[in-house]
PDB file of N, CA and C in Angstrom:
ATOM      1  N   MET A   1       1.555   1.385  19.938  1.00  0.00           N
ATOM      2  CA  MET A   1       2.187   1.846  18.720  1.00  0.00           C
ATOM      3  C   MET A   1       3.682   2.038  18.960  1.00  0.00           C
ATOM      4  N   ALA A   2       4.043   2.602  20.110  1.00  0.00           N
ATOM      5  CA  ALA A   2       5.458   2.843  20.403  1.00  0.00           C
ATOM      6  C   ALA A   2       6.231   1.531  20.436  1.00  0.00           C
ATOM      7  N   VAL A   3       5.663   0.508  21.073  1.00  0.00           N
ATOM      8  CA  VAL A   3       6.327  -0.795  21.142  1.00  0.00           C
ATOM      9  C   VAL A   3       6.407  -1.421  19.759  1.00  0.00           C
ATOM     10  N   ALA A   4       5.312  -1.378  19.010  1.00  0.00           N
ATOM     11  CA  ALA A   4       5.265  -2.004  17.680  1.00  0.00           C
ATOM     12  C   ALA A   4       6.259  -1.378  16.719  1.00  0.00           C
ATOM     13  N   THR A   5       6.486  -0.075  16.858  1.00  0.00           N
ATOM     14  CA  THR A   5       7.381   0.618  15.923  1.00  0.00           C
ATOM     15  C   THR A   5       8.763   0.866  16.509  1.00  0.00           C
ATOM     16  N   LYS A   6       8.962   0.416  17.761  1.00  0.00           N
ATOM     17  CA  LYS A   6      10.258   0.558  18.444  1.00  0.00           C
ATOM     18  C   LYS A   6      10.711   2.010  18.483  1.00  0.00           C
ATOM     19  N   ARG A   7       9.766   2.888  18.852  1.00  0.00           N
ATOM     20  CA  ARG A   7      10.048   4.316  18.938  1.00  0.00           C
ATOM     21  C   ARG A   7       9.713   4.782  20.346  1.00  0.00           C
ATOM     22  N   PRO A   8      10.366   5.841  20.821  1.00  0.00           N
ATOM     23  CA  PRO A   8      10.056   6.356  22.159  1.00  0.00           C
ATOM     24  C   PRO A   8       8.589   6.792  22.256  1.00  0.00           C
ATOM     25  N   LEU A   9       7.974   6.491  23.384  1.00  0.00           N
ATOM     26  CA  LEU A   9       6.575   6.839  23.600  1.00  0.00           C
ATOM     27  C   LEU A   9       6.350   8.338  23.416  1.00  0.00           C
ATOM     28  N   GLU A  10       7.277   9.147  23.898  1.00  0.00           N
ATOM     29  CA  GLU A  10       7.135  10.599  23.789  1.00  0.00           C
ATOM     30  C   GLU A  10       7.029  11.030  22.327  1.00  0.00           C
ATOM     31  N   GLN A  11       7.816  10.395  21.478  1.00  0.00           N
ATOM     32  CA  GLN A  11       7.796  10.742  20.054  1.00  0.00           C
ATOM     33  C   GLN A  11       6.457  10.352  19.424  1.00  0.00           C
ATOM     34  N   VAL A  12       5.940   9.197  19.770  1.00  0.00           N
ATOM     35  CA  VAL A  12       4.658   8.749  19.233  1.00  0.00           C
ATOM     36  C   VAL A  12       3.539   9.679  19.712  1.00  0.00           C
ATOM     37  N   VAL A  13       3.571  10.049  20.980  1.00  0.00           N
ATOM     38  CA  VAL A  13       2.553  10.956  21.518  1.00  0.00           C
ATOM     39  C   VAL A  13       2.627  12.302  20.811  1.00  0.00           C
ATOM     40  N   ARG A  14       3.839  12.842  20.658  1.00  0.00           N
ATOM     41  CA  ARG A  14       3.996  14.130  19.979  1.00  0.00           C
ATOM     42  C   ARG A  14       3.464  14.052  18.556  1.00  0.00           C
ATOM     43  N   GLN A  15       3.816  13.005  17.851  1.00  0.00           N
ATOM     44  CA  GLN A  15       3.361  12.881  16.471  1.00  0.00           C
ATOM     45  C   GLN A  15       1.857  12.671  16.389  1.00  0.00           C
ATOM     46  N   SER A  16       1.290  11.965  17.356  1.00  0.00           N
ATOM     47  CA  SER A  16      -0.156  11.745  17.307  1.00  0.00           C
ATOM     48  C   SER A  16      -0.915  13.035  17.601  1.00  0.00           C
ATOM     49  N   VAL A  17      -0.312  13.913  18.393  1.00  0.00           N
ATOM     50  CA  VAL A  17      -0.940  15.199  18.657  1.00  0.00           C
ATOM     51  C   VAL A  17      -0.812  16.106  17.433  1.00  0.00           C
ATOM     52  N   GLU A  18       0.337  16.056  16.763  1.00  0.00           N
ATOM     53  CA  GLU A  18       0.582  16.916  15.599  1.00  0.00           C
ATOM     54  C   GLU A  18      -0.166  16.440  14.356  1.00  0.00           C
ATOM     55  N   GLY A  19      -0.426  15.208  14.266  1.00  0.00           N
ATOM     56  CA  GLY A  19      -1.115  14.655  13.085  1.00  0.00           C
ATOM     57  C   GLY A  19      -1.686  13.303  13.427  1.00  0.00           C
ATOM     58  N   ASN A  20      -2.468  12.782  12.552  1.00  0.00           N
ATOM     59  CA  ASN A  20      -3.092  11.487  12.802  1.00  0.00           C
ATOM     60  C   ASN A  20      -2.074  10.371  12.699  1.00  0.00           C
ATOM     61  N   LEU A  21      -2.244   9.381  13.564  1.00  0.00           N
ATOM     62  CA  LEU A  21      -1.417   8.179  13.472  1.00  0.00           C
ATOM     63  C   LEU A  21      -1.780   7.423  12.196  1.00  0.00           C
ATOM     64  N   PRO A  22      -0.842   6.657  11.663  1.00  0.00           N
ATOM     65  CA  PRO A  22      -1.207   5.792  10.533  1.00  0.00           C
ATOM     66  C   PRO A  22      -2.315   4.830  10.969  1.00  0.00           C
ATOM     67  N   PRO A  23      -3.084   4.340  10.041  1.00  0.00           N
ATOM     68  CA  PRO A  23      -4.169   3.431  10.406  1.00  0.00           C
ATOM     69  C   PRO A  23      -3.641   2.190  11.116  1.00  0.00           C
ATOM     70  N   SER A  24      -4.455   1.631  11.962  1.00  0.00           N
ATOM     71  CA  SER A  24      -4.092   0.394  12.646  1.00  0.00           C
ATOM     72  C   SER A  24      -4.014  -0.730  11.626  1.00  0.00           C
ATOM     73  N   VAL A  25      -3.027  -1.597  11.800  1.00  0.00           N
ATOM     74  CA  VAL A  25      -2.906  -2.732  10.880  1.00  0.00           C
ATOM     75  C   VAL A  25      -3.848  -3.867  11.275  1.00  0.00           C
ATOM     76  N   ALA A  26      -4.527  -3.722  12.394  1.00  0.00           N
ATOM     77  CA  ALA A  26      -5.405  -4.789  12.872  1.00  0.00           C
ATOM     78  C   ALA A  26      -6.500  -5.140  11.876  1.00  0.00           C
ATOM     79  N   THR A  27      -6.917  -4.179  11.066  1.00  0.00           N
ATOM     80  CA  THR A  27      -7.984  -4.439  10.098  1.00  0.00           C
ATOM     81  C   THR A  27      -7.441  -4.822   8.723  1.00  0.00           C
ATOM     82  N   MET A  28      -6.135  -4.946   8.625  1.00  0.00           N
ATOM     83  CA  MET A  28      -5.505  -5.267   7.337  1.00  0.00           C
ATOM     84  C   MET A  28      -5.114  -6.741   7.310  1.00  0.00           C
ATOM     85  N   PRO A  29      -4.820  -7.277   6.131  1.00  0.00           N
ATOM     86  CA  PRO A  29      -4.465  -8.702   6.058  1.00  0.00           C
ATOM     87  C   PRO A  29      -3.322  -9.045   7.017  1.00  0.00           C
ATOM     88  N   ALA A  30      -3.514 -10.098   7.794  1.00  0.00           N
ATOM     89  CA  ALA A  30      -2.535 -10.489   8.815  1.00  0.00           C
ATOM     90  C   ALA A  30      -1.145 -10.702   8.233  1.00  0.00           C
ATOM     91  N   GLU A  31      -1.074 -11.240   7.029  1.00  0.00           N
ATOM     92  CA  GLU A  31       0.232 -11.516   6.428  1.00  0.00           C
ATOM     93  C   GLU A  31       0.994 -10.238   6.067  1.00  0.00           C
ATOM     94  N   MET A  32       0.327  -9.082   6.127  1.00  0.00           N
ATOM     95  CA  MET A  32       0.983  -7.809   5.804  1.00  0.00           C
ATOM     96  C   MET A  32       1.294  -6.962   7.043  1.00  0.00           C
ATOM     97  N   HIS A  33       0.867  -7.390   8.231  1.00  0.00           N
ATOM     98  CA  HIS A  33       1.066  -6.593   9.436  1.00  0.00           C
ATOM     99  C   HIS A  33       2.523  -6.191   9.630  1.00  0.00           C
ATOM    100  N   HIS A  34       3.411  -7.166   9.620  1.00  0.00           N
ATOM    101  CA  HIS A  34       4.831  -6.892   9.861  1.00  0.00           C
ATOM    102  C   HIS A  34       5.390  -5.935   8.806  1.00  0.00           C
ATOM    103  N   GLU A  35       5.066  -6.194   7.558  1.00  0.00           N
ATOM    104  CA  GLU A  35       5.561  -5.349   6.462  1.00  0.00           C
ATOM    105  C   GLU A  35       5.081  -3.905   6.604  1.00  0.00           C
ATOM    106  N   LEU A  36       3.812  -3.723   6.926  1.00  0.00           N
ATOM    107  CA  LEU A  36       3.264  -2.372   7.062  1.00  0.00           C
ATOM    108  C   LEU A  36       3.841  -1.653   8.269  1.00  0.00           C
ATOM    109  N   LEU A  37       3.942  -2.342   9.399  1.00  0.00           N
ATOM    110  CA  LEU A  37       4.543  -1.710  10.572  1.00  0.00           C
ATOM    111  C   LEU A  37       5.991  -1.327  10.323  1.00  0.00           C
ATOM    112  N   ALA A  38       6.697  -2.136   9.540  1.00  0.00           N
ATOM    113  CA  ALA A  38       8.095  -1.834   9.228  1.00  0.00           C
ATOM    114  C   ALA A  38       8.223  -0.532   8.446  1.00  0.00           C
ATOM    115  N   LEU A  39       7.191  -0.167   7.680  1.00  0.00           N
ATOM    116  CA  LEU A  39       7.236   1.080   6.924  1.00  0.00           C
ATOM    117  C   LEU A  39       7.417   2.288   7.839  1.00  0.00           C
ATOM    118  N   GLN A  40       6.924   2.185   9.056  1.00  0.00           N
ATOM    119  CA  GLN A  40       7.016   3.312   9.984  1.00  0.00           C
ATOM    120  C   GLN A  40       8.450   3.642  10.371  1.00  0.00           C
ATOM    121  N   GLY A  41       9.362   2.711  10.195  1.00  0.00           N
ATOM    122  CA  GLY A  41      10.750   2.952  10.533  1.00  0.00           C
ATOM    123  C   GLY A  41      11.619   3.345   9.355  1.00  0.00           C
ATOM    124  N   LEU A  42      11.034   3.417   8.165  1.00  0.00           N
ATOM    125  CA  LEU A  42      11.818   3.736   6.968  1.00  0.00           C
ATOM    126  C   LEU A  42      12.047   5.236   6.827  1.00  0.00           C
ATOM    127  N   PRO A  43      13.168   5.607   6.212  1.00  0.00           N
ATOM    128  CA  PRO A  43      13.391   7.035   5.936  1.00  0.00           C
ATOM    129  C   PRO A  43      12.417   7.545   4.873  1.00  0.00           C
ATOM    130  N   VAL A  44      12.245   8.851   4.853  1.00  0.00           N
ATOM    131  CA  VAL A  44      11.301   9.496   3.935  1.00  0.00           C
ATOM    132  C   VAL A  44      11.566   9.082   2.489  1.00  0.00           C
ATOM    133  N   GLU A  45      12.821   9.037   2.076  1.00  0.00           N
ATOM    134  CA  GLU A  45      13.146   8.705   0.681  1.00  0.00           C
ATOM    135  C   GLU A  45      12.609   7.328   0.296  1.00  0.00           C
ATOM    136  N   GLN A  46      12.740   6.357   1.199  1.00  0.00           N
ATOM    137  CA  GLN A  46      12.231   5.012   0.908  1.00  0.00           C
ATOM    138  C   GLN A  46      10.712   5.000   0.873  1.00  0.00           C
ATOM    139  N   LEU A  47      10.101   5.725   1.786  1.00  0.00           N
ATOM    140  CA  LEU A  47       8.636   5.798   1.787  1.00  0.00           C
ATOM    141  C   LEU A  47       8.124   6.426   0.499  1.00  0.00           C
ATOM    142  N   LEU A  48       8.795   7.476   0.039  1.00  0.00           N
ATOM    143  CA  LEU A  48       8.396   8.098  -1.225  1.00  0.00           C
ATOM    144  C   LEU A  48       8.559   7.123  -2.389  1.00  0.00           C
ATOM    145  N   GLY A  49       9.597   6.304  -2.334  1.00  0.00           N
ATOM    146  CA  GLY A  49       9.789   5.282  -3.370  1.00  0.00           C
ATOM    147  C   GLY A  49       8.664   4.269  -3.372  1.00  0.00           C
ATOM    148  N   ILE A  50       8.265   3.824  -2.203  1.00  0.00           N
ATOM    149  CA  ILE A  50       7.153   2.873  -2.095  1.00  0.00           C
ATOM    150  C   ILE A  50       5.864   3.522  -2.578  1.00  0.00           C
ATOM    151  N   ALA A  51       5.647   4.767  -2.171  1.00  0.00           N
ATOM    152  CA  ALA A  51       4.432   5.480  -2.567  1.00  0.00           C
ATOM    153  C   ALA A  51       4.357   5.674  -4.080  1.00  0.00           C
ATOM    154  N   ALA A  52       5.496   5.677  -4.746  1.00  0.00           N
ATOM    155  CA  ALA A  52       5.527   5.887  -6.199  1.00  0.00           C
ATOM    156  C   ALA A  52       5.583   4.586  -6.999  1.00  0.00           C
ATOM    157  N   GLU A  53       5.628   3.452  -6.327  1.00  0.00           N
ATOM    158  CA  GLU A  53       5.715   2.173  -7.041  1.00  0.00           C
ATOM    159  C   GLU A  53       4.542   1.996  -8.001  1.00  0.00           C
ATOM    160  N   GLN A  54       4.816   1.342  -9.091  1.00  0.00           N
ATOM    161  CA  GLN A  54       3.796   1.060 -10.101  1.00  0.00           C
ATOM    162  C   GLN A  54       3.838  -0.434 -10.441  1.00  0.00           C
ATOM    163  N   THR A  55       2.727  -0.961 -10.820  1.00  0.00           N
ATOM    164  CA  THR A  55       2.691  -2.324 -11.329  1.00  0.00           C
ATOM    165  C   THR A  55       3.410  -2.340 -12.670  1.00  0.00           C
ATOM    166  N   ALA A  56       4.153  -3.381 -12.913  1.00  0.00           N
ATOM    167  CA  ALA A  56       4.872  -3.500 -14.180  1.00  0.00           C
ATOM    168  C   ALA A  56       3.888  -3.432 -15.342  1.00  0.00           C
ATOM    169  N   PRO A  57       4.253  -2.730 -16.417  1.00  0.00           N
ATOM    170  CA  PRO A  57       3.336  -2.604 -17.559  1.00  0.00           C
ATOM    171  C   PRO A  57       2.831  -3.940 -18.093  1.00  0.00           C
ATOM    172  N   ALA A  58       3.683  -4.945 -18.132  1.00  0.00           N
ATOM    173  CA  ALA A  58       3.255  -6.256 -18.638  1.00  0.00           C
ATOM    174  C   ALA A  58       2.192  -6.865 -17.728  1.00  0.00           C
ATOM    175  N   ALA A  59       2.363  -6.708 -16.416  1.00  0.00           N
ATOM    176  CA  ALA A  59       1.371  -7.232 -15.469  1.00  0.00           C
ATOM    177  C   ALA A  59       0.057  -6.463 -15.587  1.00  0.00           C
ATOM    178  N   GLN A  60       0.156  -5.148 -15.789  1.00  0.00           N
ATOM    179  CA  GLN A  60      -1.060  -4.340 -15.982  1.00  0.00           C
ATOM    180  C   GLN A  60      -1.815  -4.802 -17.222  1.00  0.00           C
ATOM    181  N   ALA A  61      -1.083  -4.991 -18.312  1.00  0.00           N
ATOM    182  CA  ALA A  61      -1.712  -5.409 -19.568  1.00  0.00           C
ATOM    183  C   ALA A  61      -2.359  -6.784 -19.421  1.00  0.00           C
ATOM    184  N   ARG A  62      -1.660  -7.696 -18.760  1.00  0.00           N
ATOM    185  CA  ARG A  62      -2.208  -9.033 -18.573  1.00  0.00           C
ATOM    186  C   ARG A  62      -3.449  -8.989 -17.687  1.00  0.00           C
ATOM    187  N   HIS A  63      -3.404  -8.179 -16.644  1.00  0.00           N
ATOM    188  CA  HIS A  63      -4.552  -8.038 -15.744  1.00  0.00           C
ATOM    189  C   HIS A  63      -5.780  -7.549 -16.521  1.00  0.00           C
ATOM    190  N   LEU A  64      -5.575  -6.520 -17.335  1.00  0.00           N
ATOM    191  CA  LEU A  64      -6.685  -5.997 -18.144  1.00  0.00           C
ATOM    192  C   LEU A  64      -7.205  -7.040 -19.122  1.00  0.00           C
ATOM    193  N   GLU A  65      -6.288  -7.775 -19.746  1.00  0.00           N
ATOM    194  CA  GLU A  65      -6.684  -8.825 -20.693  1.00  0.00           C
ATOM    195  C   GLU A  65      -7.540  -9.884 -19.993  1.00  0.00           C
ATOM    196  N   LEU A  66      -7.109 -10.299 -18.800  1.00  0.00           N
ATOM    197  CA  LEU A  66      -7.865 -11.311 -18.071  1.00  0.00           C
ATOM    198  C   LEU A  66      -9.206 -10.774 -17.580  1.00  0.00           C
ATOM    199  N   LEU A  67      -9.241  -9.491 -17.199  1.00  0.00           N
ATOM    200  CA  LEU A  67     -10.516  -8.894 -16.799  1.00  0.00           C
ATOM    201  C   LEU A  67     -11.501  -8.896 -17.962  1.00  0.00           C
ATOM    202  N   GLU A  68     -11.024  -8.581 -19.151  1.00  0.00           N
ATOM    203  CA  GLU A  68     -11.892  -8.600 -20.338  1.00  0.00           C
ATOM    204  C   GLU A  68     -12.381 -10.013 -20.642  1.00  0.00           C
ATOM    205  N   ARG A  69     -11.468 -10.973 -20.542  1.00  0.00           N
ATOM    206  CA  ARG A  69     -11.858 -12.366 -20.788  1.00  0.00           C
ATOM    207  C   ARG A  69     -12.858 -12.839 -19.732  1.00  0.00           C
ATOM    208  N   ASN A  70     -12.668 -12.375 -18.505  1.00  0.00           N
ATOM    209  CA  ASN A  70     -13.585 -12.733 -17.427  1.00  0.00           C
ATOM    210  C   ASN A  70     -14.972 -12.157 -17.701  1.00  0.00           C
ATOM    211  N   SER A  71     -15.015 -10.898 -18.150  1.00  0.00           N
ATOM    212  CA  SER A  71     -16.296 -10.265 -18.484  1.00  0.00           C
ATOM    213  C   SER A  71     -17.005 -11.021 -19.601  1.00  0.00           C
ATOM    214  N   ALA A  72     -16.219 -11.564 -20.520  1.00  0.00           N
ATOM    215  CA  ALA A  72     -16.792 -12.323 -21.630  1.00  0.00           C
ATOM    216  C   ALA A  72     -17.133 -13.753 -21.229  1.00  0.00           C
ATOM    217  N   GLY A  73     -16.711 -14.155 -20.016  1.00  0.00           N
ATOM    218  CA  GLY A  73     -17.020 -15.504 -19.529  1.00  0.00           C
ATOM    219  C   GLY A  73     -16.214 -16.596 -20.183  1.00  0.00           C
ATOM    220  N   VAL A  74     -14.997 -16.277 -20.604  1.00  0.00           N
ATOM    221  CA  VAL A  74     -14.200 -17.280 -21.327  1.00  0.00           C
ATOM    222  C   VAL A  74     -12.867 -17.591 -20.642  1.00  0.00           C
ATOM    223  N   LEU A  75     -12.781 -17.376 -19.328  1.00  0.00           N
ATOM    224  CA  LEU A  75     -11.533 -17.677 -18.614  1.00  0.00           C
ATOM    225  C   LEU A  75     -11.403 -19.168 -18.348  1.00  0.00           C
ATOM    226  N   THR A  76     -10.190 -19.664 -18.505  1.00  0.00           N
ATOM    227  CA  THR A  76      -9.898 -21.041 -18.103  1.00  0.00           C
ATOM    228  C   THR A  76      -9.659 -21.035 -16.595  1.00  0.00           C
ATOM    229  N   ALA A  77      -9.591 -22.215 -16.000  1.00  0.00           N
ATOM    230  CA  ALA A  77      -9.325 -22.320 -14.559  1.00  0.00           C
ATOM    231  C   ALA A  77      -7.959 -21.717 -14.235  1.00  0.00           C
ATOM    232  N   ALA A  78      -6.980 -21.962 -15.084  1.00  0.00           N
ATOM    233  CA  ALA A  78      -5.639 -21.409 -14.862  1.00  0.00           C
ATOM    234  C   ALA A  78      -5.670 -19.882 -14.937  1.00  0.00           C
ATOM    235  N   GLU A  79      -6.451 -19.340 -15.870  1.00  0.00           N
ATOM    236  CA  GLU A  79      -6.564 -17.886 -16.005  1.00  0.00           C
ATOM    237  C   GLU A  79      -7.307 -17.274 -14.819  1.00  0.00           C
ATOM    238  N   GLU A  80      -8.308 -17.987 -14.300  1.00  0.00           N
ATOM    239  CA  GLU A  80      -9.010 -17.514 -13.109  1.00  0.00           C
ATOM    240  C   GLU A  80      -8.045 -17.390 -11.936  1.00  0.00           C
ATOM    241  N   SER A  81      -7.202 -18.382 -11.795  1.00  0.00           N
ATOM    242  CA  SER A  81      -6.196 -18.369 -10.730  1.00  0.00           C
ATOM    243  C   SER A  81      -5.204 -17.230 -10.943  1.00  0.00           C
ATOM    244  N   GLU A  82      -4.759 -17.052 -12.184  1.00  0.00           N
ATOM    245  CA  GLU A  82      -3.835 -15.972 -12.506  1.00  0.00           C
ATOM    246  C   GLU A  82      -4.461 -14.607 -12.240  1.00  0.00           C
ATOM    247  N   LEU A  83      -5.728 -14.454 -12.609  1.00  0.00           N
ATOM    248  CA  LEU A  83      -6.428 -13.196 -12.366  1.00  0.00           C
ATOM    249  C   LEU A  83      -6.522 -12.917 -10.866  1.00  0.00           C
ATOM    250  N   ALA A  84      -6.823 -13.933 -10.088  1.00  0.00           N
ATOM    251  CA  ALA A  84      -6.904 -13.760  -8.634  1.00  0.00           C
ATOM    252  C   ALA A  84      -5.550 -13.344  -8.064  1.00  0.00           C
ATOM    253  N   GLU A  85      -4.477 -13.933  -8.560  1.00  0.00           N
ATOM    254  CA  GLU A  85      -3.126 -13.572  -8.098  1.00  0.00           C
ATOM    255  C   GLU A  85      -2.778 -12.139  -8.487  1.00  0.00           C
ATOM    256  N   LEU A  86      -3.107 -11.743  -9.707  1.00  0.00           N
ATOM    257  CA  LEU A  86      -2.829 -10.376 -10.147  1.00  0.00           C
ATOM    258  C   LEU A  86      -3.645  -9.366  -9.350  1.00  0.00           C
ATOM    259  N   ARG A  87      -4.890  -9.696  -9.065  1.00  0.00           N
ATOM    260  CA  ARG A  87      -5.747  -8.808  -8.270  1.00  0.00           C
ATOM    261  C   ARG A  87      -5.190  -8.665  -6.860  1.00  0.00           C
ATOM    262  N   LEU A  88      -4.767  -9.768  -6.264  1.00  0.00           N
ATOM    263  CA  LEU A  88      -4.200  -9.739  -4.920  1.00  0.00           C
ATOM    264  C   LEU A  88      -2.909  -8.916  -4.901  1.00  0.00           C
ATOM    265  N   ALA A  89      -2.059  -9.101  -5.897  1.00  0.00           N
ATOM    266  CA  ALA A  89      -0.810  -8.328  -5.971  1.00  0.00           C
ATOM    267  C   ALA A  89      -1.105  -6.834  -6.109  1.00  0.00           C
ATOM    268  N   ALA A  90      -2.086  -6.479  -6.924  1.00  0.00           N
ATOM    269  CA  ALA A  90      -2.459  -5.072  -7.105  1.00  0.00           C
ATOM    270  C   ALA A  90      -3.030  -4.496  -5.819  1.00  0.00           C
ATOM    271  N   ASP A  91      -3.862  -5.266  -5.136  1.00  0.00           N
ATOM    272  CA  ASP A  91      -4.442  -4.811  -3.871  1.00  0.00           C
ATOM    273  C   ASP A  91      -3.356  -4.588  -2.822  1.00  0.00           C
ATOM    274  N   ARG A  92      -2.415  -5.502  -2.740  1.00  0.00           N
ATOM    275  CA  ARG A  92      -1.326  -5.365  -1.765  1.00  0.00           C
ATOM    276  C   ARG A  92      -0.440  -4.168  -2.096  1.00  0.00           C
ATOM    277  N   LEU A  93      -0.180  -3.954  -3.360  1.00  0.00           N
ATOM    278  CA  LEU A  93       0.615  -2.788  -3.760  1.00  0.00           C
ATOM    279  C   LEU A  93      -0.096  -1.506  -3.348  1.00  0.00           C
ATOM    280  N   MET A  94      -1.389  -1.417  -3.622  1.00  0.00           N
ATOM    281  CA  MET A  94      -2.140  -0.215  -3.272  1.00  0.00           C
ATOM    282  C   MET A  94      -2.187  -0.008  -1.758  1.00  0.00           C
ATOM    283  N   LEU A  95      -2.309  -1.084  -1.002  1.00  0.00           N
ATOM    284  CA  LEU A  95      -2.316  -0.980   0.448  1.00  0.00           C
ATOM    285  C   LEU A  95      -0.962  -0.496   0.961  1.00  0.00           C
ATOM    286  N   ARG A  96       0.116  -1.045   0.414  1.00  0.00           N
ATOM    287  CA  ARG A  96       1.463  -0.613   0.791  1.00  0.00           C
ATOM    288  C   ARG A  96       1.676   0.858   0.471  1.00  0.00           C
ATOM    289  N   LYS A  97       1.241   1.272  -0.713  1.00  0.00           N
ATOM    290  CA  LYS A  97       1.379   2.668  -1.123  1.00  0.00           C
ATOM    291  C   LYS A  97       0.577   3.586  -0.205  1.00  0.00           C
ATOM    292  N   ALA A  98      -0.662   3.218   0.072  1.00  0.00           N
ATOM    293  CA  ALA A  98      -1.517   4.040   0.934  1.00  0.00           C
ATOM    294  C   ALA A  98      -0.935   4.140   2.335  1.00  0.00           C
ATOM    295  N   TYR A  99      -0.414   3.044   2.842  1.00  0.00           N
ATOM    296  CA  TYR A  99       0.163   3.068   4.184  1.00  0.00           C
ATOM    297  C   TYR A  99       1.433   3.920   4.195  1.00  0.00           C
ATOM    298  N   ALA A 100       2.234   3.842   3.136  1.00  0.00           N
ATOM    299  CA  ALA A 100       3.432   4.688   3.045  1.00  0.00           C
ATOM    300  C   ALA A 100       3.032   6.160   3.075  1.00  0.00           C
ATOM    301  N   TRP A 101       1.979   6.514   2.333  1.00  0.00           N
ATOM    302  CA  TRP A 101       1.514   7.908   2.353  1.00  0.00           C
ATOM    303  C   TRP A 101       1.016   8.300   3.733  1.00  0.00           C
ATOM    304  N   SER A 102       0.355   7.381   4.431  1.00  0.00           N
ATOM    305  CA  SER A 102      -0.140   7.722   5.768  1.00  0.00           C
ATOM    306  C   SER A 102       1.020   7.946   6.736  1.00  0.00           C
ATOM    307  N   VAL A 103       2.093   7.179   6.601  1.00  0.00           N
ATOM    308  CA  VAL A 103       3.277   7.388   7.442  1.00  0.00           C
ATOM    309  C   VAL A 103       3.931   8.725   7.093  1.00  0.00           C
ATOM    310  N   LEU A 104       4.023   9.019   5.810  1.00  0.00           N
ATOM    311  CA  LEU A 104       4.593  10.306   5.393  1.00  0.00           C
ATOM    312  C   LEU A 104       3.781  11.466   5.964  1.00  0.00           C
ATOM    313  N   ARG A 105       2.467  11.358   5.878  1.00  0.00           N
ATOM    314  CA  ARG A 105       1.597  12.411   6.408  1.00  0.00           C
ATOM    315  C   ARG A 105       1.786  12.554   7.905  1.00  0.00           C
ATOM    316  N   TRP A 106       1.895  11.422   8.593  1.00  0.00           N
ATOM    317  CA  TRP A 106       2.096  11.403  10.037  1.00  0.00           C
ATOM    318  C   TRP A 106       3.378  12.149  10.409  1.00  0.00           C
ATOM    319  N   ARG A 107       4.370  12.027   9.561  1.00  0.00           N
ATOM    320  CA  ARG A 107       5.650  12.700   9.809  1.00  0.00           C
ATOM    321  C   ARG A 107       5.655  14.148   9.332  1.00  0.00           C
ATOM    322  N   GLY A 108       4.534  14.620   8.835  1.00  0.00           N
ATOM    323  CA  GLY A 108       4.437  16.014   8.428  1.00  0.00           C
ATOM    324  C   GLY A 108       4.785  16.277   6.979  1.00  0.00           C
ATOM    325  N   HIS A 109       4.994  15.226   6.203  1.00  0.00           N
ATOM    326  CA  HIS A 109       5.308  15.389   4.781  1.00  0.00           C
ATOM    327  C   HIS A 109       4.019  15.708   4.034  1.00  0.00           C
ATOM    328  N   PRO A 110       4.048  16.677   3.114  1.00  0.00           N
ATOM    329  CA  PRO A 110       2.821  16.982   2.365  1.00  0.00           C
ATOM    330  C   PRO A 110       2.414  15.809   1.467  1.00  0.00           C
ATOM    331  N   VAL A 111       1.146  15.545   1.465  1.00  0.00           N
ATOM    332  CA  VAL A 111       0.602  14.473   0.627  1.00  0.00           C
ATOM    333  C   VAL A 111      -0.125  15.129  -0.531  1.00  0.00           C
ATOM    334  N   PRO A 112       0.213  14.745  -1.762  1.00  0.00           N
ATOM    335  CA  PRO A 112      -0.451  15.369  -2.913  1.00  0.00           C
ATOM    336  C   PRO A 112      -1.934  15.019  -2.966  1.00  0.00           C
ATOM    337  N   ALA A 113      -2.667  15.851  -3.643  1.00  0.00           N
ATOM    338  CA  ALA A 113      -4.086  15.577  -3.872  1.00  0.00           C
ATOM    339  C   ALA A 113      -4.209  14.326  -4.742  1.00  0.00           C
ATOM    340  N   LEU A 114      -5.303  13.634  -4.604  1.00  0.00           N
ATOM    341  CA  LEU A 114      -5.526  12.407  -5.369  1.00  0.00           C
ATOM    342  C   LEU A 114      -5.354  12.637  -6.861  1.00  0.00           C
ATOM    343  N   ALA A 115      -5.821  13.770  -7.366  1.00  0.00           N
ATOM    344  CA  ALA A 115      -5.717  14.077  -8.803  1.00  0.00           C
ATOM    345  C   ALA A 115      -4.268  14.235  -9.239  1.00  0.00           C
ATOM    346  N   ASP A 116      -3.365  14.523  -8.310  1.00  0.00           N
ATOM    347  CA  ASP A 116      -1.963  14.734  -8.657  1.00  0.00           C
ATOM    348  C   ASP A 116      -1.118  13.476  -8.582  1.00  0.00           C
ATOM    349  N   LEU A 117      -1.719  12.378  -8.112  1.00  0.00           N
ATOM    350  CA  LEU A 117      -0.996  11.107  -8.023  1.00  0.00           C
ATOM    351  C   LEU A 117      -1.019  10.410  -9.370  1.00  0.00           C
ATOM    352  N   PRO A 118       0.076   9.684  -9.703  1.00  0.00           N
ATOM    353  CA  PRO A 118       0.088   8.964 -10.982  1.00  0.00           C
ATOM    354  C   PRO A 118      -0.930   7.828 -10.971  1.00  0.00           C
ATOM    355  N   LEU A 119      -1.542   7.600 -12.107  1.00  0.00           N
ATOM    356  CA  LEU A 119      -2.479   6.490 -12.252  1.00  0.00           C
ATOM    357  C   LEU A 119      -1.699   5.224 -12.544  1.00  0.00           C
ATOM    358  N   GLU A 120      -2.229   4.109 -12.099  1.00  0.00           N
ATOM    359  CA  GLU A 120      -1.587   2.838 -12.411  1.00  0.00           C
ATOM    360  C   GLU A 120      -2.261   2.203 -13.582  1.00  0.00           C
TER     361      GLU A 120
END
């Protein structure tokens, strides 16, 4: 972890004793490893910004529209592809947000209860 995050080993050990380390990226999509590890080096303000990111309202509306069309069984091939892309983008956003919160928690920042987080 110290090598991956370019931080002194002593600091990583101290933080791991004081709180849990962020989850290993080994179980996360390979294409996101670098991005997630980079979050560990960001200042608190940037991490809070990432943790507060929301999907654009237009993308949310389109995602819901395609989900409804999918439930009705009337998606075109192009819409199926679009739905898959929107789902992947939403999943990646949620993973980035969750990892940002885990880094914040690791650094001792209070993490709000799930009920206090904004809904997307």
